Amino acid sequence: MNPVIGLDVAKGESQVQAFLDKKQPYKKSLKIAHTLEGLSNLLDFIKEVEDISGGRPPIVLESTGHYHTPVVQYFEDRGYLLIIVNPLISYRAKSSSLRKVKTDIIDAHHLCDLYYKEDLEPYKQRGIQLLNLRNLTRQHENITGMFVQTKLQFQAVLDQVFPEYCGVFGDLYSDVSLLTLQAFSTSEEVLEAGKETIANKIKEFCKSRSQQWANSQAEKLMAAAAQNPFQKALYHSLSLSLNMYINMLLEYKKHLSTLKDEIDALAKQIEECKIIRSIPGIGEKIAATIISEIGEIDRFNHPKKLVAFAGIDPSIFESGTFKGTLNRITKRGSSRLRQALYMAVKCAIRDCRKQKTTDKVIPRNKRLREFYDKKREEGKPYKVAVIACANKLLHWIYALLKSKSTFQDLA
């Protein structure tokens, strides 16, 4: 017999269907909760299938974000073979039926059928360090997105309260700028406080700068207040919103700084990050993102599989004598890896000065820039050439990680 267990995973629970062999379902489908008691009951059920079939069944389930994590961790610790299926593959298998029926019971049944029809690869556990790095880089990306949105909302409110303030400090979103604006949020408050009070406050917020610099910034703030069209805050709601957004921006900056320190510290312990950083144009943040999304390179036995995982392989459409010419990339892999590769290529092909004392410029990555120029000379559009470079870069990364060697750029 060739038994299998199919799990249709949802939030906090799973629908379970067991097969003893092809087209031989065992008992009726049952639902279990993702609690210690529920998973223990599932383990008893699986052992029952083992006793009857005489073999240990693999467990097939869909990749469902983080919902399947407790199931994977529970059965991985007990030595069971897990097969995590891409939802696109399972959806294609479900669509093969003429009947349009969608229930959890049928989905669990389809997963068992898929096991007998397809040559599915078993799930390979990622290292704890790489999982931690992936969680940190993804969290950094999420908070960066919220930080950018808060900046836009803050700017919209500032334009209605103190638009002239934007030119006072070199960086509007620096700590000293935000704290100063929080202390003197309207022109009326600035003019009433006076230059000396404002200068002392600025010096208090930025102790690393001189008193002369603080006096200069106070003068700029006084001049901006005099030119501000909104001398008084007519709407209390705007002042309240401005103060709220300043607090949010300061908190986001603290969180991003903490995450960056954690990412840098963890990346230094991972050999693969050092290997990827040897490629000119790839910095610490991009290297950490790339390796955290790829995971162990042993999961891929060919560079084309890694390219497909990134979703930058071309889609192909042919039928009879027709061959499609407008072939876009599939975008079916990791969007974060794809974005990191795109940024890495843009940094690598960009020109930079060889020495600050001369005007001579060279690309950061000469080999990749030559490949990019070649594609452009062939008539490829900019984005097509960049994606071709990303494909080339991913092949290099695969080779370096497999051989555990560093990149040797041409001088």
Foldseek 3Di string as FASTA:
>chain_A
DAKAWFWEFDAQKTWIWIALDVPRTDDAIDMFGLDPVRLVVVVVVQVVSCVVNVDRHAYEYEDDPCRCVSVCVVVVVVPHWYFYDYPVVLVVQVVVDPDPDDDRRVSSVSRRNCVVVDDTDTDDDFDPLLQVLQVLLVVLVVLVVVLVVLVVVLQVLLCVAQPLLVPLDPDCLDQLNLVLCLCPVHLQSLVVCDLVNQLVSSCVRPVPDDSVVSSSSSVSSNVSSVVGPPRDDPDPVSSVSNNVSSVVNVVSVVVSVVSVVVSQVSLVVDLLLVQLCLQFQDDSSLSSQQCSQCGQLVVDPDLVVVCVQLQLCWDWDDDDPDTDDPTGGRNPHDPSNVVSLLNSLVRQLDWDDPDPVDPDIDGRANVLNVQLVVCVVVVDDNVVSSSVSSSVSSNVSSVCSVVVHHDDGDD
